[in-house]
Amino acid sequence: MPILRKRKFILLSLLIVILFAALAIYFSDRAISKSAEGKLFTETQSIPYNKVGLLLGTAKYLQSGYLNYYYQFRIEAASALMKSGKIKYLVISGDNSREDYNEPETMRQDLIKLGIDSNLIYLDYAGFRTFDSIVRLREIFGQSSVTIISQPFHNERAIFIAKKENIAAIGFNARDIEGKPGMRVQLREKLARVKVFVDYLIQQKPKFLGPSIQIP
C-alpha cells in the first residue's frame, strides 16, 4: 500500500473510532439521565419513605491529603435522610480491598459522630464499583427497593443499574462539586456510563458475592 493511501486509511479508521466513541458517550449519557427522571430528590420533606438507604462509598481524603468534599457531602446527606425518618436502615457500600483502606467503616464512624445509631447501619465491604454495590444490595442484603445517596450524576447511573436489576430505586442528592475538580469527575462519569452498557453486554458479575445479610 502506498504511503499516502496508508495514511488516509489510518486517518479514516481513527475518525471512525472517534465517531463511534462520541456516539456511545452521547447515547449512554442520554439513556442513563432519562432513566432517573422524576426519581431524584434534594429535600428530605419531598422524598418518599424507603426502609433502606444505600450510601455509595468514596475516599475521605484526596491523594493530595485534602478532604474529599464528595465524601463530606454524602455523609451530610445520609445523616439528614436518617434523622428525617425517610429511611430506617442504611447500607454503606464501598471499597475495603486493603487492610489500611476501608470506605464503609470510615463512613460509619463519621455518621456515628453525627448521632446516627450504629445498630441501624450495615456495611458492604465489597462495593468496589457502583455496579457491584447495586447487585449486592439485592443478592446479599435482599432488597428490592432503596433510596440511593450520592451526588446527582452518580445517583442517575445507580438508578439505571437498579432498574436493570429489578430494584425500585430513587436517589437523594448530596451536594455536588463545581469548578475544575467537578469537571474532571464529570468527564470520568461519561466514560463510566458507557461502561455500564459494556458490563451488561458482556454479562458482568460482581467481584464478590457471599452469604446473605438480613435486614429486619
Protein backbone atom coordinates (compact mmCIF):
# COMPACT_ATOMS: atom_id res chain seq x y z
CA MET A 1 0.00 0.00 0.00
CA PRO A 2 1.48 3.39 -1.00
CA ILE A 3 2.37 5.68 1.91
CA LEU A 4 -0.32 8.25 1.04
CA ARG A 5 -3.06 5.62 0.84
CA LYS A 6 -1.86 4.09 4.10
CA ARG A 7 -2.05 7.46 5.85
CA LYS A 8 -5.57 8.04 4.53
CA PHE A 9 -6.63 4.61 5.74
CA ILE A 10 -5.22 5.25 9.22
CA LEU A 11 -6.87 8.68 9.37
CA LEU A 12 -10.23 7.28 8.26
CA SER A 13 -10.00 4.46 10.81
CA LEU A 14 -9.20 6.95 13.54
CA LEU A 15 -12.16 9.14 12.59
CA ILE A 16 -14.49 6.13 12.66
CA VAL A 17 -13.26 5.18 16.15
CA ILE A 18 -13.73 8.75 17.40
CA LEU A 19 -17.22 8.93 15.91
CA PHE A 20 -18.21 5.61 17.45
CA ALA A 21 -16.88 6.69 20.85
CA ALA A 22 -18.73 10.01 20.68
CA LEU A 23 -21.99 8.27 19.80
CA ALA A 24 -21.53 5.74 22.59
CA ILE A 25 -20.95 8.52 25.11
CA TYR A 26 -23.91 10.54 23.86
CA PHE A 27 -26.48 7.74 23.83
CA SER A 28 -25.36 6.13 27.12
CA ASP A 29 -25.41 9.52 28.84
CA ARG A 30 -28.86 10.30 27.50
CA ALA A 31 -30.33 6.90 28.40
CA ILE A 32 -29.00 6.97 31.96
CA SER A 33 -30.15 10.53 32.61
CA LYS A 34 -33.61 9.77 31.23
CA SER A 35 -33.98 6.69 33.43
CA ALA A 36 -33.71 8.86 36.55
CA GLU A 37 -36.27 11.48 35.56
CA GLY A 38 -38.67 12.08 38.46
CA LYS A 39 -36.64 9.87 40.78
CA LEU A 40 -34.11 12.37 42.18
CA PHE A 41 -34.77 14.42 45.32
CA THR A 42 -32.84 17.15 47.08
CA GLU A 43 -35.14 17.85 50.06
CA THR A 44 -35.99 15.42 52.84
CA GLN A 45 -39.52 16.83 53.03
CA SER A 46 -40.39 15.72 49.50
CA ILE A 47 -38.67 12.34 49.22
CA PRO A 48 -40.80 9.20 49.71
CA TYR A 49 -40.02 6.76 52.53
CA ASN A 50 -37.92 3.65 51.93
CA LYS A 51 -36.95 1.18 54.63
CA VAL A 52 -33.35 1.04 53.36
CA GLY A 53 -30.93 3.62 52.05
CA LEU A 54 -27.75 2.84 50.14
CA LEU A 55 -24.81 5.18 50.72
CA LEU A 56 -22.26 4.81 47.93
CA GLY A 57 -18.70 4.98 49.20
CA THR A 58 -15.77 7.12 48.24
CA ALA A 59 -12.43 8.05 49.81
CA LYS A 60 -12.47 10.54 52.68
CA TYR A 61 -9.26 12.19 51.53
CA LEU A 62 -7.84 13.01 48.12
CA GLN A 63 -4.36 11.92 47.08
CA SER A 64 -3.22 15.45 47.94
CA GLY A 65 -4.29 14.85 51.52
CA TYR A 66 -7.14 17.33 51.42
CA LEU A 67 -10.68 16.40 52.44
CA ASN A 68 -12.78 14.94 49.63
CA TYR A 69 -15.94 17.04 49.58
CA TYR A 70 -17.81 14.39 47.62
CA TYR A 71 -17.34 12.26 50.73
CA GLN A 72 -18.29 15.00 53.16
CA PHE A 73 -21.46 15.94 51.31
CA ARG A 74 -22.57 12.29 51.08
CA ILE A 75 -22.12 11.89 54.83
CA GLU A 76 -24.20 15.01 55.45
CA ALA A 77 -26.93 13.82 53.07
CA ALA A 78 -27.10 10.36 54.64
CA SER A 79 -27.30 11.86 58.12
CA ALA A 80 -30.09 14.22 57.09
CA LEU A 81 -32.06 11.40 55.50
CA MET A 82 -31.74 9.17 58.57
CA LYS A 83 -32.66 11.94 61.01
CA SER A 84 -35.70 12.92 58.94
CA GLY A 85 -37.06 9.38 59.23
CA LYS A 86 -37.20 8.90 55.45
CA ILE A 87 -35.10 5.73 55.75
CA LYS A 88 -34.79 3.39 58.73
CA TYR A 89 -31.68 1.39 57.86
CA LEU A 90 -28.56 2.35 55.95
CA VAL A 91 -26.28 0.11 53.89
CA ILE A 92 -22.87 1.67 53.32
CA SER A 93 -21.22 0.11 50.28
CA GLY A 94 -17.61 0.82 49.41
CA ASP A 95 -14.09 -0.43 48.87
CA ASN A 96 -12.25 -2.44 51.53
CA SER A 97 -9.77 -4.15 49.24
CA ARG A 98 -6.82 -3.41 51.55
CA GLU A 99 -6.43 -3.66 55.32
CA ASP A 100 -5.46 0.01 55.51
CA TYR A 101 -8.33 1.25 53.35
CA ASN A 102 -11.93 0.84 54.47
CA GLU A 103 -14.51 3.19 52.98
CA PRO A 104 -17.60 1.68 54.69
CA GLU A 105 -16.11 1.70 58.18
CA THR A 106 -14.78 5.25 57.81
CA MET A 107 -18.21 6.44 56.73
CA ARG A 108 -19.88 4.56 59.57
CA GLN A 109 -17.64 6.21 62.15
CA ASP A 110 -18.35 9.68 60.78
CA LEU A 111 -22.09 9.03 60.78
CA ILE A 112 -21.95 7.84 64.39
CA LYS A 113 -20.20 11.12 65.27
CA LEU A 114 -23.21 12.90 63.78
CA GLY A 115 -25.56 10.98 66.06
CA ILE A 116 -26.66 8.10 63.82
CA ASP A 117 -27.40 4.84 65.68
CA SER A 118 -24.79 2.26 64.71
CA ASN A 119 -27.38 -0.53 65.08
CA LEU A 120 -29.17 0.86 62.03
CA ILE A 121 -26.07 0.72 59.80
CA TYR A 122 -24.99 -2.27 57.70
CA LEU A 123 -21.65 -2.43 55.92
CA ASP A 124 -20.94 -3.79 52.45
CA TYR A 125 -17.18 -4.17 52.18
CA ALA A 126 -17.21 -5.37 48.55
CA GLY A 127 -18.78 -2.38 46.84
CA PHE A 128 -15.79 -1.89 44.59
CA ARG A 129 -17.93 -0.34 41.86
CA THR A 130 -21.42 1.10 41.68
CA PHE A 131 -22.44 -1.97 39.68
CA ASP A 132 -21.25 -4.26 42.48
CA SER A 133 -22.98 -2.17 45.15
CA ILE A 134 -26.36 -2.35 43.43
CA VAL A 135 -26.23 -6.05 42.58
CA ARG A 136 -25.06 -6.92 46.09
CA LEU A 137 -27.88 -4.87 47.59
CA ARG A 138 -30.29 -7.34 46.03
CA GLU A 139 -28.25 -10.54 46.22
CA ILE A 140 -26.66 -10.10 49.67
CA PHE A 141 -28.99 -7.72 51.50
CA GLY A 142 -32.22 -8.93 49.88
CA GLN A 143 -33.61 -5.51 48.98
CA SER A 144 -35.99 -4.82 46.09
CA SER A 145 -36.43 -1.10 46.81
CA VAL A 146 -33.95 1.53 48.01
CA THR A 147 -33.05 5.18 48.35
CA ILE A 148 -29.58 5.76 46.89
CA ILE A 149 -27.43 8.51 48.39
CA SER A 150 -24.72 10.19 46.34
CA GLN A 151 -24.19 13.14 44.03
CA PRO A 152 -26.85 13.65 41.29
CA PHE A 153 -24.76 12.29 38.39
CA HIS A 154 -23.86 9.20 40.43
CA ASN A 155 -27.44 8.65 41.54
CA GLU A 156 -28.60 8.69 37.93
CA ARG A 157 -26.21 5.89 36.98
CA ALA A 158 -27.03 3.88 40.10
CA ILE A 159 -30.77 4.19 39.43
CA PHE A 160 -30.25 2.95 35.87
CA ILE A 161 -28.38 -0.11 37.16
CA ALA A 162 -31.00 -0.68 39.85
CA LYS A 163 -33.73 -0.75 37.22
CA LYS A 164 -31.75 -3.35 35.29
CA GLU A 165 -31.55 -5.40 38.50
CA ASN A 166 -35.31 -5.10 39.19
CA ILE A 167 -34.81 -2.79 42.17
CA ALA A 168 -37.20 0.12 42.61
CA ALA A 169 -34.78 2.97 43.34
CA ILE A 170 -34.92 6.68 43.99
CA GLY A 171 -32.00 9.00 44.68
CA PHE A 172 -31.33 11.53 47.43
CA ASN A 173 -28.86 14.03 46.04
CA ALA A 174 -25.86 15.05 48.06
CA ARG A 175 -24.42 18.45 47.28
CA ASP A 176 -22.34 18.45 44.09
CA ILE A 177 -18.89 19.92 43.40
CA GLU A 178 -18.29 22.73 40.94
CA GLY A 179 -15.15 24.04 39.25
CA LYS A 180 -12.17 22.05 37.94
CA PRO A 181 -12.47 19.11 40.39
CA GLY A 182 -16.10 18.70 39.38
CA MET A 183 -15.26 18.85 35.68
CA ARG A 184 -12.73 16.03 36.00
CA VAL A 185 -15.24 13.84 37.81
CA GLN A 186 -17.94 14.62 35.24
CA LEU A 187 -15.59 13.55 32.44
CA ARG A 188 -14.93 10.23 34.18
CA GLU A 189 -18.67 9.85 34.67
CA LYS A 190 -19.27 9.98 30.90
CA LEU A 191 -16.92 7.03 30.45
CA ALA A 192 -18.43 5.19 33.43
CA ARG A 193 -21.84 5.43 31.76
CA VAL A 194 -20.53 3.74 28.64
CA LYS A 195 -19.01 1.05 30.87
CA VAL A 196 -22.47 0.29 32.29
CA PHE A 197 -23.64 -0.83 28.86
CA VAL A 198 -20.45 -2.81 28.31
CA ASP A 199 -21.00 -4.58 31.64
CA TYR A 200 -24.44 -5.76 30.59
CA LEU A 201 -23.25 -6.63 27.10
CA ILE A 202 -20.60 -8.99 28.47
CA GLN A 203 -22.86 -10.12 31.35
CA GLN A 204 -20.50 -8.84 34.01
CA LYS A 205 -20.83 -10.14 37.58
CA PRO A 206 -19.78 -8.53 40.89
CA LYS A 207 -16.26 -9.30 42.04
CA PHE A 208 -17.59 -10.96 45.19
CA LEU A 209 -20.97 -12.10 46.48
CA GLY A 210 -21.01 -14.18 49.65
CA PRO A 211 -23.53 -15.09 52.39
CA SER A 212 -26.80 -13.23 52.82
CA ILE A 213 -27.16 -10.47 55.41
CA GLN A 214 -30.66 -9.98 56.79
CA ILE A 215 -32.04 -6.51 57.39
CA PRO A 216 -35.07 -6.60 59.73
